[in-house]
Amino acid sequence: MQTGDSVLGEADMSLIHALQVLPRASWTQLSTVLGTGPDTLARRWEHLTAGGYAWTSLLVARRGAESALYAWIELECTADSAEATAIELSGDPGTLGVHAVTGGADLVLLLIAQDLPALDAYVTGRVRRLPGVLRARTQVVTRMHNRPYRSRVEHLTPAQARLLTEVTALERRDPARARVAPRVTELDRRLIAELAGDARRTAAELARRCGASESTVRRRLDLLAAGGALHHHCQPAPRFSGRPVWAMVTAQVAPLDEPATVAALTRVRRTQVITSVTGPHNLAVAMWLGSVDELHEITAGLVRAAPALRITGTAVSMRTYKIGAQVLGPDGRRTHHVRPDP
């Protein structure tokens, strides 16, 4: 594996891609896809996670019976406070993204909240009161067109992808089960907190850590997953993935053109998060790029794919402090995770 500003090795990226599809697959299952022994895969993954180069995690996708409320927050800070503000906010469970950016704002945050009153309480009672914060502009996400951190590195060969599809089909259970979010119990909270740091913890390990039986742990995880309350994901540290540059593109599109435009944007491979938002523009699209130079190419590609789109602004991240529940250090590697608040 290469370090510094280089990409991860081919075998590393193939393993990460496989875990993006099946985050909790056994090493034996994955060995049939990747053509590498289970022990070797386990050692490779331990090296990646211990070094902060990759991780599996879990996000809360729903709050109770309703979908979670997301919002983009743009912060303007005094010259000497932006870094301290970013570090402080990275420790909050509700921040799913913290980026220091170019353009009109100093920081861009992606937040998750239970509802509008909870969002107002956080922005007013927490963000605006931090020393050095001059202005906070909130754009509520009215529709999340694709889940955050669901994009894949697309590194498996066609043959490996076919094998993984077969494994995925065997993993499906109870497809007709109603996707109703269950009431979150205290045990669920402990399970979510453990899986946010490592979504591959076994049921036996979770049972020991949470003081419950393995059968109870398995049953609660099945219920939460079937209800759509949780979202497992696997991700490489961006600086080592070949796509180290986070970018946001804001755009305007007529309401009648929005469905066709969003459908076109979802087919553009680099788009990671596509959101309809309130404010001066009605679309905000986030993505990871290989270099700053690609921003011009990608914006031109977005307009070619969706001619009704009018680009209103662009920004790139000079440093990413947090992705999902994971906090990144100055060198781009994960340092720790923040326990979520279900």
C-alpha atoms as a PDB file:
ATOM      1  CA  MET A   1       0.000   0.000   0.000  1.00  0.00           C
ATOM      2  CA  GLN A   2       1.239   3.465  -0.898  1.00  0.00           C
ATOM      3  CA  THR A   3       0.909   6.371   1.493  1.00  0.00           C
ATOM      4  CA  GLY A   4       1.316  10.134   1.368  1.00  0.00           C
ATOM      5  CA  ASP A   5      -0.749  11.671  -1.403  1.00  0.00           C
ATOM      6  CA  SER A   6      -0.694   8.479  -3.502  1.00  0.00           C
ATOM      7  CA  VAL A   7      -3.658   6.208  -4.087  1.00  0.00           C
ATOM      8  CA  LEU A   8      -4.274   2.949  -2.277  1.00  0.00           C
ATOM      9  CA  GLY A   9      -3.087  -0.221  -3.965  1.00  0.00           C
ATOM     10  CA  GLU A  10      -5.205  -2.179  -6.457  1.00  0.00           C
ATOM     11  CA  ALA A  11      -5.886  -4.974  -3.969  1.00  0.00           C
ATOM     12  CA  ASP A  12      -6.869  -2.425  -1.298  1.00  0.00           C
ATOM     13  CA  MET A  13      -9.363  -0.685  -3.584  1.00  0.00           C
ATOM     14  CA  SER A  14     -10.904  -3.976  -4.710  1.00  0.00           C
ATOM     15  CA  LEU A  15     -11.392  -4.980  -1.075  1.00  0.00           C
ATOM     16  CA  ILE A  16     -12.958  -1.610  -0.258  1.00  0.00           C
ATOM     17  CA  HIS A  17     -15.315  -1.883  -3.256  1.00  0.00           C
ATOM     18  CA  ALA A  18     -16.421  -5.355  -2.150  1.00  0.00           C
ATOM     19  CA  LEU A  19     -17.080  -4.096   1.387  1.00  0.00           C
ATOM     20  CA  GLN A  20     -19.065  -1.168   0.002  1.00  0.00           C
ATOM     21  CA  VAL A  21     -21.444  -3.708  -1.510  1.00  0.00           C
ATOM     22  CA  LEU A  22     -21.424  -6.154   1.426  1.00  0.00           C
ATOM     23  CA  PRO A  23     -20.065  -4.353   4.511  1.00  0.00           C
ATOM     24  CA  ARG A  24     -20.582  -7.301   6.866  1.00  0.00           C
ATOM     25  CA  ALA A  25     -19.643 -10.161   4.519  1.00  0.00           C
ATOM     26  CA  SER A  26     -17.303 -12.755   5.998  1.00  0.00           C
ATOM     27  CA  TRP A  27     -13.705 -12.956   4.815  1.00  0.00           C
ATOM     28  CA  THR A  28     -14.488 -16.419   3.475  1.00  0.00           C
ATOM     29  CA  GLN A  29     -17.313 -15.038   1.333  1.00  0.00           C
ATOM     30  CA  LEU A  30     -15.130 -12.210   0.060  1.00  0.00           C
ATOM     31  CA  SER A  31     -12.229 -14.564  -0.668  1.00  0.00           C
ATOM     32  CA  THR A  32     -14.341 -16.307  -3.312  1.00  0.00           C
ATOM     33  CA  VAL A  33     -14.837 -12.945  -5.030  1.00  0.00           C
ATOM     34  CA  LEU A  34     -11.364 -11.454  -4.644  1.00  0.00           C
ATOM     35  CA  GLY A  35      -9.315 -14.613  -5.131  1.00  0.00           C
ATOM     36  CA  THR A  36      -7.324 -13.987  -1.954  1.00  0.00           C
ATOM     37  CA  GLY A  37      -7.267 -16.085   1.206  1.00  0.00           C
ATOM     38  CA  PRO A  38      -9.512 -15.067   4.134  1.00  0.00           C
ATOM     39  CA  ASP A  39      -6.561 -14.581   6.495  1.00  0.00           C
ATOM     40  CA  THR A  40      -4.808 -12.327   3.996  1.00  0.00           C
ATOM     41  CA  LEU A  41      -7.955 -10.227   3.523  1.00  0.00           C
ATOM     42  CA  ALA A  42      -8.389  -9.905   7.283  1.00  0.00           C
ATOM     43  CA  ARG A  43      -4.782  -8.775   7.737  1.00  0.00           C
ATOM     44  CA  ARG A  44      -5.052  -6.305   4.863  1.00  0.00           C
ATOM     45  CA  TRP A  45      -8.231  -4.811   6.288  1.00  0.00           C
ATOM     46  CA  GLU A  46      -6.703  -4.562   9.761  1.00  0.00           C
ATOM     47  CA  HIS A  47      -3.758  -2.652   8.270  1.00  0.00           C
ATOM     48  CA  LEU A  48      -6.081  -0.250   6.413  1.00  0.00           C
ATOM     49  CA  THR A  49      -8.288   0.467   9.403  1.00  0.00           C
ATOM     50  CA  ALA A  50      -5.500   0.692  11.964  1.00  0.00           C
ATOM     51  CA  GLY A  51      -3.698   3.207   9.750  1.00  0.00           C
ATOM     52  CA  GLY A  52      -6.829   5.298   9.184  1.00  0.00           C
ATOM     53  CA  TYR A  53      -6.805   4.645   5.429  1.00  0.00           C
ATOM     54  CA  ALA A  54     -10.292   3.099   5.267  1.00  0.00           C
ATOM     55  CA  TRP A  55     -13.249   2.241   7.480  1.00  0.00           C
ATOM     56  CA  THR A  56     -16.673   0.700   7.688  1.00  0.00           C
ATOM     57  CA  SER A  57     -19.285   2.636   9.575  1.00  0.00           C
ATOM     58  CA  LEU A  58     -22.966   3.005  10.191  1.00  0.00           C
ATOM     59  CA  LEU A  59     -25.166   6.081   9.841  1.00  0.00           C
ATOM     60  CA  VAL A  60     -28.659   6.730  11.159  1.00  0.00           C
ATOM     61  CA  ALA A  61     -30.787   7.223   8.034  1.00  0.00           C
ATOM     62  CA  ARG A  62     -34.162   7.620   9.750  1.00  0.00           C
ATOM     63  CA  ARG A  63     -35.338   9.185  12.993  1.00  0.00           C
ATOM     64  CA  GLY A  64     -38.266   7.239  14.354  1.00  0.00           C
ATOM     65  CA  ALA A  65     -40.979   6.791  11.718  1.00  0.00           C
ATOM     66  CA  GLU A  66     -39.874   9.747   9.599  1.00  0.00           C
ATOM     67  CA  SER A  67     -36.890  10.367   7.377  1.00  0.00           C
ATOM     68  CA  ALA A  68     -34.180  12.458   8.976  1.00  0.00           C
ATOM     69  CA  LEU A  69     -33.904  16.159   8.200  1.00  0.00           C
ATOM     70  CA  TYR A  70     -30.681  17.245   6.493  1.00  0.00           C
ATOM     71  CA  ALA A  71     -29.291  20.736   5.990  1.00  0.00           C
ATOM     72  CA  TRP A  72     -26.251  22.428   4.491  1.00  0.00           C
ATOM     73  CA  ILE A  73     -24.721  25.145   6.670  1.00  0.00           C
ATOM     74  CA  GLU A  74     -22.294  27.736   5.304  1.00  0.00           C
ATOM     75  CA  LEU A  75     -20.193  29.491   7.964  1.00  0.00           C
ATOM     76  CA  GLU A  76     -18.155  32.661   7.770  1.00  0.00           C
ATOM     77  CA  CYS A  77     -15.523  32.905  10.488  1.00  0.00           C
ATOM     78  CA  THR A  78     -12.853  35.295  11.609  1.00  0.00           C
ATOM     79  CA  ALA A  79      -9.466  34.615  10.026  1.00  0.00           C
ATOM     80  CA  ASP A  80      -8.007  32.958  13.110  1.00  0.00           C
ATOM     81  CA  SER A  81     -11.032  30.866  14.149  1.00  0.00           C
ATOM     82  CA  ALA A  82     -12.005  28.709  11.147  1.00  0.00           C
ATOM     83  CA  GLU A  83      -9.811  25.736  12.065  1.00  0.00           C
ATOM     84  CA  ALA A  84     -10.827  25.753  15.737  1.00  0.00           C
ATOM     85  CA  THR A  85     -14.482  26.009  14.707  1.00  0.00           C
ATOM     86  CA  ALA A  86     -14.149  23.088  12.296  1.00  0.00           C
ATOM     87  CA  ILE A  87     -12.477  20.909  14.938  1.00  0.00           C
ATOM     88  CA  GLU A  88     -15.105  21.825  17.528  1.00  0.00           C
ATOM     89  CA  LEU A  89     -18.050  21.057  15.246  1.00  0.00           C
ATOM     90  CA  SER A  90     -16.489  17.810  14.061  1.00  0.00           C
ATOM     91  CA  GLY A  91     -17.066  16.465  17.556  1.00  0.00           C
ATOM     92  CA  ASP A  92     -20.847  16.933  17.328  1.00  0.00           C
ATOM     93  CA  PRO A  93     -22.924  13.814  16.489  1.00  0.00           C
ATOM     94  CA  GLY A  94     -25.141  15.751  14.056  1.00  0.00           C
ATOM     95  CA  THR A  95     -22.390  16.867  11.669  1.00  0.00           C
ATOM     96  CA  LEU A  96     -22.008  14.390   8.808  1.00  0.00           C
ATOM     97  CA  GLY A  97     -19.546  16.551   6.911  1.00  0.00           C
ATOM     98  CA  VAL A  98     -17.207  19.403   7.866  1.00  0.00           C
ATOM     99  CA  HIS A  99     -15.180  21.021   5.079  1.00  0.00           C
ATOM    100  CA  ALA A 100     -12.982  24.116   4.903  1.00  0.00           C
ATOM    101  CA  VAL A 101     -13.777  25.550   1.476  1.00  0.00           C
ATOM    102  CA  THR A 102     -12.931  28.196  -1.079  1.00  0.00           C
ATOM    103  CA  GLY A 103     -15.438  30.831  -2.111  1.00  0.00           C
ATOM    104  CA  GLY A 104     -17.859  32.919  -0.093  1.00  0.00           C
ATOM    105  CA  ALA A 105     -17.889  30.681   2.995  1.00  0.00           C
ATOM    106  CA  ASP A 106     -15.086  29.413   5.199  1.00  0.00           C
ATOM    107  CA  LEU A 107     -16.758  26.164   6.249  1.00  0.00           C
ATOM    108  CA  VAL A 108     -19.517  23.993   4.813  1.00  0.00           C
ATOM    109  CA  LEU A 109     -21.331  21.529   7.077  1.00  0.00           C
ATOM    110  CA  LEU A 110     -23.774  18.746   6.296  1.00  0.00           C
ATOM    111  CA  LEU A 111     -26.095  18.304   9.268  1.00  0.00           C
ATOM    112  CA  ILE A 112     -28.659  15.721  10.267  1.00  0.00           C
ATOM    113  CA  ALA A 113     -31.420  16.680  12.711  1.00  0.00           C
ATOM    114  CA  GLN A 114     -34.670  15.222  13.970  1.00  0.00           C
ATOM    115  CA  ASP A 115     -36.830  18.098  12.703  1.00  0.00           C
ATOM    116  CA  LEU A 116     -36.853  21.848  12.068  1.00  0.00           C
ATOM    117  CA  PRO A 117     -37.031  22.849  15.762  1.00  0.00           C
ATOM    118  CA  ALA A 118     -34.030  20.626  16.509  1.00  0.00           C
ATOM    119  CA  LEU A 119     -32.142  22.141  13.574  1.00  0.00           C
ATOM    120  CA  ASP A 120     -32.954  25.667  14.774  1.00  0.00           C
ATOM    121  CA  ALA A 121     -31.860  24.812  18.316  1.00  0.00           C
ATOM    122  CA  TYR A 122     -28.523  23.488  17.055  1.00  0.00           C
ATOM    123  CA  VAL A 123     -27.764  26.383  14.698  1.00  0.00           C
ATOM    124  CA  THR A 124     -28.946  29.088  17.092  1.00  0.00           C
ATOM    125  CA  GLY A 125     -27.855  27.607  20.389  1.00  0.00           C
ATOM    126  CA  ARG A 126     -24.650  25.942  19.293  1.00  0.00           C
ATOM    127  CA  VAL A 127     -23.187  27.073  15.958  1.00  0.00           C
ATOM    128  CA  ARG A 128     -23.899  30.801  16.107  1.00  0.00           C
ATOM    129  CA  ARG A 129     -22.534  31.038  19.664  1.00  0.00           C
ATOM    130  CA  LEU A 130     -19.092  29.672  18.843  1.00  0.00           C
ATOM    131  CA  PRO A 131     -16.324  32.271  19.147  1.00  0.00           C
ATOM    132  CA  GLY A 132     -15.301  33.588  15.763  1.00  0.00           C
ATOM    133  CA  VAL A 133     -18.451  32.612  13.852  1.00  0.00           C
ATOM    134  CA  LEU A 134     -19.589  35.722  11.997  1.00  0.00           C
ATOM    135  CA  ARG A 135     -22.459  34.351   9.937  1.00  0.00           C
ATOM    136  CA  ALA A 136     -24.303  31.063   9.422  1.00  0.00           C
ATOM    137  CA  ARG A 137     -26.475  30.476   6.360  1.00  0.00           C
ATOM    138  CA  THR A 138     -28.764  27.450   6.488  1.00  0.00           C
ATOM    139  CA  GLN A 139     -30.172  25.638   3.482  1.00  0.00           C
ATOM    140  CA  VAL A 140     -32.661  22.942   4.421  1.00  0.00           C
ATOM    141  CA  VAL A 141     -32.575  19.845   2.247  1.00  0.00           C
ATOM    142  CA  THR A 142     -36.124  19.387   0.974  1.00  0.00           C
ATOM    143  CA  ARG A 143     -35.233  16.159  -0.769  1.00  0.00           C
ATOM    144  CA  MET A 144     -32.205  13.877  -0.599  1.00  0.00           C
ATOM    145  CA  HIS A 145     -32.055  12.267  -4.028  1.00  0.00           C
ATOM    146  CA  ASN A 146     -29.341   9.777  -3.049  1.00  0.00           C
ATOM    147  CA  ARG A 147     -28.039   8.857   0.378  1.00  0.00           C
ATOM    148  CA  PRO A 148     -24.797  10.424   1.582  1.00  0.00           C
ATOM    149  CA  TYR A 149     -21.690   8.250   1.379  1.00  0.00           C
ATOM    150  CA  ARG A 150     -23.394   5.643  -0.807  1.00  0.00           C
ATOM    151  CA  SER A 151     -21.071   6.148  -3.821  1.00  0.00           C
ATOM    152  CA  ARG A 152     -18.627   3.351  -4.689  1.00  0.00           C
ATOM    153  CA  VAL A 153     -15.059   3.229  -5.912  1.00  0.00           C
ATOM    154  CA  GLU A 154     -16.003   0.844  -8.800  1.00  0.00           C
ATOM    155  CA  HIS A 155     -12.772  -1.125  -8.737  1.00  0.00           C
ATOM    156  CA  LEU A 156     -13.886  -4.753  -9.099  1.00  0.00           C
ATOM    157  CA  THR A 157     -13.509  -6.545 -12.418  1.00  0.00           C
ATOM    158  CA  PRO A 158     -16.701  -7.611 -14.279  1.00  0.00           C
ATOM    159  CA  ALA A 159     -16.078 -11.213 -13.217  1.00  0.00           C
ATOM    160  CA  GLN A 160     -15.682 -10.205  -9.575  1.00  0.00           C
ATOM    161  CA  ALA A 161     -18.817  -8.045  -9.765  1.00  0.00           C
ATOM    162  CA  ARG A 162     -20.798 -11.051 -11.045  1.00  0.00           C
ATOM    163  CA  LEU A 163     -19.532 -13.211  -8.198  1.00  0.00           C
ATOM    164  CA  LEU A 164     -20.391 -10.507  -5.680  1.00  0.00           C
ATOM    165  CA  THR A 165     -23.902 -10.278  -7.134  1.00  0.00           C
ATOM    166  CA  GLU A 166     -24.342 -13.995  -6.450  1.00  0.00           C
ATOM    167  CA  VAL A 167     -23.131 -13.585  -2.871  1.00  0.00           C
ATOM    168  CA  THR A 168     -25.438 -10.586  -2.420  1.00  0.00           C
ATOM    169  CA  ALA A 169     -28.426 -12.615  -3.594  1.00  0.00           C
ATOM    170  CA  LEU A 170     -27.668 -15.303  -1.012  1.00  0.00           C
ATOM    171  CA  GLU A 171     -27.443 -12.655   1.721  1.00  0.00           C
ATOM    172  CA  ARG A 172     -30.960 -11.328   1.128  1.00  0.00           C
ATOM    173  CA  ARG A 173     -33.446 -12.424   3.758  1.00  0.00           C
ATOM    174  CA  ASP A 174     -37.140 -11.697   4.255  1.00  0.00           C
ATOM    175  CA  PRO A 175     -37.464  -9.439   1.168  1.00  0.00           C
ATOM    176  CA  ALA A 176     -41.169  -8.932   1.800  1.00  0.00           C
ATOM    177  CA  ARG A 177     -40.690  -7.664   5.359  1.00  0.00           C
ATOM    178  CA  ALA A 178     -42.374  -4.275   5.843  1.00  0.00           C
ATOM    179  CA  ARG A 179     -39.865  -1.468   6.035  1.00  0.00           C
ATOM    180  CA  VAL A 180     -41.250   0.098   9.204  1.00  0.00           C
ATOM    181  CA  ALA A 181     -38.761   1.832  11.480  1.00  0.00           C
ATOM    182  CA  PRO A 182     -38.905   0.182  14.935  1.00  0.00           C
ATOM    183  CA  ARG A 183     -38.916   2.032  18.209  1.00  0.00           C
ATOM    184  CA  VAL A 184     -35.276   2.628  19.169  1.00  0.00           C
ATOM    185  CA  THR A 185     -34.364   0.912  22.438  1.00  0.00           C
ATOM    186  CA  GLU A 186     -31.441   1.574  24.771  1.00  0.00           C
ATOM    187  CA  LEU A 187     -29.752  -1.541  23.395  1.00  0.00           C
ATOM    188  CA  ASP A 188     -30.178  -0.148  19.864  1.00  0.00           C
ATOM    189  CA  ARG A 189     -28.418   3.029  20.943  1.00  0.00           C
ATOM    190  CA  ARG A 190     -25.453   1.059  22.237  1.00  0.00           C
ATOM    191  CA  LEU A 191     -25.331  -1.080  19.095  1.00  0.00           C
ATOM    192  CA  ILE A 192     -25.419   1.973  16.830  1.00  0.00           C
ATOM    193  CA  ALA A 193     -22.653   3.639  18.816  1.00  0.00           C
ATOM    194  CA  GLU A 194     -20.438   0.557  18.470  1.00  0.00           C
ATOM    195  CA  LEU A 195     -21.142   0.050  14.764  1.00  0.00           C
ATOM    196  CA  ALA A 196     -20.503   3.711  13.934  1.00  0.00           C
ATOM    197  CA  GLY A 197     -16.862   3.092  14.729  1.00  0.00           C
ATOM    198  CA  ASP A 198     -16.644  -0.323  13.065  1.00  0.00           C
ATOM    199  CA  ALA A 199     -19.624  -1.731  11.168  1.00  0.00           C
ATOM    200  CA  ARG A 200     -17.911  -5.129  10.931  1.00  0.00           C
ATOM    201  CA  ARG A 201     -18.067  -5.919  14.632  1.00  0.00           C
ATOM    202  CA  THR A 202     -19.466  -9.427  15.010  1.00  0.00           C
ATOM    203  CA  ALA A 203     -22.671 -10.183  16.848  1.00  0.00           C
ATOM    204  CA  ALA A 204     -20.602 -11.962  19.506  1.00  0.00           C
ATOM    205  CA  GLU A 205     -18.390  -8.921  20.021  1.00  0.00           C
ATOM    206  CA  LEU A 206     -21.409  -6.594  20.090  1.00  0.00           C
ATOM    207  CA  ALA A 207     -23.106  -8.861  22.629  1.00  0.00           C
ATOM    208  CA  ARG A 208     -20.055  -8.663  24.925  1.00  0.00           C
ATOM    209  CA  ARG A 209     -19.744  -4.895  24.573  1.00  0.00           C
ATOM    210  CA  CYS A 210     -23.458  -4.181  25.023  1.00  0.00           C
ATOM    211  CA  GLY A 211     -24.338  -6.755  27.674  1.00  0.00           C
ATOM    212  CA  ALA A 212     -26.877  -8.718  25.620  1.00  0.00           C
ATOM    213  CA  SER A 213     -27.183 -12.177  24.087  1.00  0.00           C
ATOM    214  CA  GLU A 214     -26.045 -12.821  20.510  1.00  0.00           C
ATOM    215  CA  SER A 215     -29.561 -13.803  19.465  1.00  0.00           C
ATOM    216  CA  THR A 216     -30.980 -10.533  20.810  1.00  0.00           C
ATOM    217  CA  VAL A 217     -28.276  -8.536  19.059  1.00  0.00           C
ATOM    218  CA  ARG A 218     -28.957 -10.277  15.748  1.00  0.00           C
ATOM    219  CA  ARG A 219     -32.698  -9.734  16.097  1.00  0.00           C
ATOM    220  CA  ARG A 220     -32.340  -6.005  16.845  1.00  0.00           C
ATOM    221  CA  LEU A 221     -29.909  -5.482  13.970  1.00  0.00           C
ATOM    222  CA  ASP A 222     -32.280  -7.265  11.585  1.00  0.00           C
ATOM    223  CA  LEU A 223     -35.189  -5.095  12.725  1.00  0.00           C
ATOM    224  CA  LEU A 224     -33.246  -1.857  12.386  1.00  0.00           C
ATOM    225  CA  ALA A 225     -31.925  -2.810   8.956  1.00  0.00           C
ATOM    226  CA  ALA A 226     -35.328  -3.983   7.695  1.00  0.00           C
ATOM    227  CA  GLY A 227     -36.922  -0.739   8.861  1.00  0.00           C
ATOM    228  CA  GLY A 228     -34.459   1.332   6.855  1.00  0.00           C
ATOM    229  CA  ALA A 229     -33.248   3.048  10.018  1.00  0.00           C
ATOM    230  CA  LEU A 230     -29.562   2.307   9.468  1.00  0.00           C
ATOM    231  CA  HIS A 231     -27.145   2.632   6.586  1.00  0.00           C
ATOM    232  CA  HIS A 232     -23.866   0.690   6.512  1.00  0.00           C
ATOM    233  CA  HIS A 233     -21.066   2.061   4.391  1.00  0.00           C
ATOM    234  CA  CYS A 234     -17.388   1.515   3.670  1.00  0.00           C
ATOM    235  CA  GLN A 235     -15.078   4.282   2.517  1.00  0.00           C
ATOM    236  CA  PRO A 236     -11.404   4.924   1.823  1.00  0.00           C
ATOM    237  CA  ALA A 237      -9.822   8.048   3.275  1.00  0.00           C
ATOM    238  CA  PRO A 238     -10.274  10.428   0.318  1.00  0.00           C
ATOM    239  CA  ARG A 239      -6.686  11.677   0.227  1.00  0.00           C
ATOM    240  CA  PHE A 240      -5.499   8.120  -0.503  1.00  0.00           C
ATOM    241  CA  SER A 241      -8.358   7.049  -2.793  1.00  0.00           C
ATOM    242  CA  GLY A 242      -7.467   8.795  -6.040  1.00  0.00           C
ATOM    243  CA  ARG A 243     -10.277  11.293  -5.452  1.00  0.00           C
ATOM    244  CA  PRO A 244      -8.961  13.598  -2.717  1.00  0.00           C
ATOM    245  CA  VAL A 245     -10.823  16.826  -3.584  1.00  0.00           C
ATOM    246  CA  TRP A 246     -14.317  17.409  -2.190  1.00  0.00           C
ATOM    247  CA  ALA A 247     -16.357  19.882  -4.251  1.00  0.00           C
ATOM    248  CA  MET A 248     -19.820  21.385  -4.106  1.00  0.00           C
ATOM    249  CA  VAL A 249     -21.730  22.697  -7.100  1.00  0.00           C
ATOM    250  CA  THR A 250     -24.871  24.778  -6.570  1.00  0.00           C
ATOM    251  CA  ALA A 251     -27.358  25.170  -9.393  1.00  0.00           C
ATOM    252  CA  GLN A 252     -30.786  26.419 -10.360  1.00  0.00           C
ATOM    253  CA  VAL A 253     -33.380  24.561 -12.382  1.00  0.00           C
ATOM    254  CA  ALA A 254     -37.040  25.307 -13.086  1.00  0.00           C
ATOM    255  CA  PRO A 255     -39.354  23.238 -10.862  1.00  0.00           C
ATOM    256  CA  LEU A 256     -40.932  21.464 -13.826  1.00  0.00           C
ATOM    257  CA  ASP A 257     -37.491  20.469 -15.109  1.00  0.00           C
ATOM    258  CA  GLU A 258     -36.217  19.248 -11.745  1.00  0.00           C
ATOM    259  CA  PRO A 259     -37.229  15.544 -11.946  1.00  0.00           C
ATOM    260  CA  ALA A 260     -35.591  15.004 -15.351  1.00  0.00           C
ATOM    261  CA  THR A 261     -32.550  17.041 -14.305  1.00  0.00           C
ATOM    262  CA  VAL A 262     -32.023  15.066 -11.097  1.00  0.00           C
ATOM    263  CA  ALA A 263     -32.413  11.795 -12.992  1.00  0.00           C
ATOM    264  CA  ALA A 264     -29.704  12.934 -15.408  1.00  0.00           C
ATOM    265  CA  LEU A 265     -27.394  14.051 -12.597  1.00  0.00           C
ATOM    266  CA  THR A 266     -27.627  10.684 -10.824  1.00  0.00           C
ATOM    267  CA  ARG A 267     -26.140   9.087 -13.938  1.00  0.00           C
ATOM    268  CA  VAL A 268     -23.009  11.248 -13.691  1.00  0.00           C
ATOM    269  CA  ARG A 269     -20.562   8.927 -11.912  1.00  0.00           C
ATOM    270  CA  ARG A 270     -18.770  11.477  -9.763  1.00  0.00           C
ATOM    271  CA  THR A 271     -21.900  12.928  -8.116  1.00  0.00           C
ATOM    272  CA  GLN A 272     -22.033  11.645  -4.563  1.00  0.00           C
ATOM    273  CA  VAL A 273     -24.840  13.614  -2.911  1.00  0.00           C
ATOM    274  CA  ILE A 274     -27.626  15.346  -4.865  1.00  0.00           C
ATOM    275  CA  THR A 275     -29.989  17.492  -2.827  1.00  0.00           C
ATOM    276  CA  SER A 276     -32.905  19.833  -3.439  1.00  0.00           C
ATOM    277  CA  VAL A 277     -32.522  22.782  -1.079  1.00  0.00           C
ATOM    278  CA  THR A 278     -34.098  26.021   0.072  1.00  0.00           C
ATOM    279  CA  GLY A 279     -32.420  29.350  -0.626  1.00  0.00           C
ATOM    280  CA  PRO A 280     -31.066  31.280  -3.626  1.00  0.00           C
ATOM    281  CA  HIS A 281     -30.545  28.061  -5.637  1.00  0.00           C
ATOM    282  CA  ASN A 282     -32.577  24.871  -5.480  1.00  0.00           C
ATOM    283  CA  LEU A 283     -29.939  22.171  -6.076  1.00  0.00           C
ATOM    284  CA  ALA A 284     -26.698  21.406  -4.239  1.00  0.00           C
ATOM    285  CA  VAL A 285     -24.477  18.613  -5.528  1.00  0.00           C
ATOM    286  CA  ALA A 286     -21.421  17.278  -3.658  1.00  0.00           C
ATOM    287  CA  MET A 287     -18.722  15.067  -5.171  1.00  0.00           C
ATOM    288  CA  TRP A 288     -15.143  13.835  -4.871  1.00  0.00           C
ATOM    289  CA  LEU A 289     -12.714  14.710  -7.658  1.00  0.00           C
ATOM    290  CA  GLY A 290      -9.248  13.568  -8.616  1.00  0.00           C
ATOM    291  CA  SER A 291      -7.949  17.135  -8.794  1.00  0.00           C
ATOM    292  CA  VAL A 292      -9.121  20.746  -8.758  1.00  0.00           C
ATOM    293  CA  ASP A 293      -8.695  20.768 -12.550  1.00  0.00           C
ATOM    294  CA  GLU A 294     -11.572  18.304 -12.856  1.00  0.00           C
ATOM    295  CA  LEU A 295     -14.076  20.825 -11.506  1.00  0.00           C
ATOM    296  CA  HIS A 296     -14.386  22.581 -14.878  1.00  0.00           C
ATOM    297  CA  GLU A 297     -14.800  19.231 -16.619  1.00  0.00           C
ATOM    298  CA  ILE A 298     -17.455  18.024 -14.189  1.00  0.00           C
ATOM    299  CA  THR A 299     -19.529  21.226 -14.292  1.00  0.00           C
ATOM    300  CA  ALA A 300     -19.489  21.133 -18.091  1.00  0.00           C
ATOM    301  CA  GLY A 301     -20.513  17.471 -17.899  1.00  0.00           C
ATOM    302  CA  LEU A 302     -23.395  18.278 -15.571  1.00  0.00           C
ATOM    303  CA  VAL A 303     -24.765  20.862 -17.995  1.00  0.00           C
ATOM    304  CA  ARG A 304     -24.349  18.496 -20.955  1.00  0.00           C
ATOM    305  CA  ALA A 305     -26.224  15.794 -19.050  1.00  0.00           C
ATOM    306  CA  ALA A 306     -28.942  18.219 -17.891  1.00  0.00           C
ATOM    307  CA  PRO A 307     -29.275  21.208 -20.307  1.00  0.00           C
ATOM    308  CA  ALA A 308     -31.917  22.883 -18.107  1.00  0.00           C
ATOM    309  CA  LEU A 309     -29.337  23.257 -15.325  1.00  0.00           C
ATOM    310  CA  ARG A 310     -27.810  26.662 -14.586  1.00  0.00           C
ATOM    311  CA  ILE A 311     -24.650  26.548 -12.437  1.00  0.00           C
ATOM    312  CA  THR A 312     -24.750  29.258  -9.761  1.00  0.00           C
ATOM    313  CA  GLY A 313     -21.630  28.503  -7.720  1.00  0.00           C
ATOM    314  CA  THR A 314     -18.732  26.146  -7.059  1.00  0.00           C
ATOM    315  CA  ALA A 315     -16.460  25.477  -4.093  1.00  0.00           C
ATOM    316  CA  VAL A 316     -13.678  23.018  -3.322  1.00  0.00           C
ATOM    317  CA  SER A 317     -12.489  21.827   0.053  1.00  0.00           C
ATOM    318  CA  MET A 318      -8.992  22.731   1.169  1.00  0.00           C
ATOM    319  CA  ARG A 319      -9.348  20.318   4.080  1.00  0.00           C
ATOM    320  CA  THR A 320     -11.975  17.813   5.139  1.00  0.00           C
ATOM    321  CA  TYR A 321     -12.345  17.458   8.895  1.00  0.00           C
ATOM    322  CA  LYS A 322     -15.181  14.949   9.098  1.00  0.00           C
ATOM    323  CA  ILE A 323     -16.999  12.424   6.915  1.00  0.00           C
ATOM    324  CA  GLY A 324     -20.062  10.775   8.391  1.00  0.00           C
ATOM    325  CA  ALA A 325     -19.097   9.805  11.934  1.00  0.00           C
ATOM    326  CA  GLN A 326     -15.360   9.752  11.132  1.00  0.00           C
ATOM    327  CA  VAL A 327     -12.937  12.537  12.091  1.00  0.00           C
ATOM    328  CA  LEU A 328      -9.890  13.049   9.850  1.00  0.00           C
ATOM    329  CA  GLY A 329      -6.525  14.421  10.898  1.00  0.00           C
ATOM    330  CA  PRO A 330      -4.409  16.997   9.030  1.00  0.00           C
ATOM    331  CA  ASP A 331      -2.774  14.179   7.045  1.00  0.00           C
ATOM    332  CA  GLY A 332      -6.165  12.973   5.760  1.00  0.00           C
ATOM    333  CA  ARG A 333      -6.280   9.759   7.789  1.00  0.00           C
ATOM    334  CA  ARG A 334      -9.088   8.864  10.183  1.00  0.00           C
ATOM    335  CA  THR A 335      -8.208   9.532  13.802  1.00  0.00           C
ATOM    336  CA  HIS A 336     -11.431   8.482  15.583  1.00  0.00           C
ATOM    337  CA  HIS A 337     -15.207   8.385  15.267  1.00  0.00           C
ATOM    338  CA  VAL A 338     -17.948  10.359  17.001  1.00  0.00           C
ATOM    339  CA  ARG A 339     -20.648   8.324  18.681  1.00  0.00           C
ATOM    340  CA  PRO A 340     -23.996   9.099  16.985  1.00  0.00           C
ATOM    341  CA  ASP A 341     -27.133  10.108  18.838  1.00  0.00           C
ATOM    342  CA  PRO A 342     -29.982   7.861  17.633  1.00  0.00           C
END
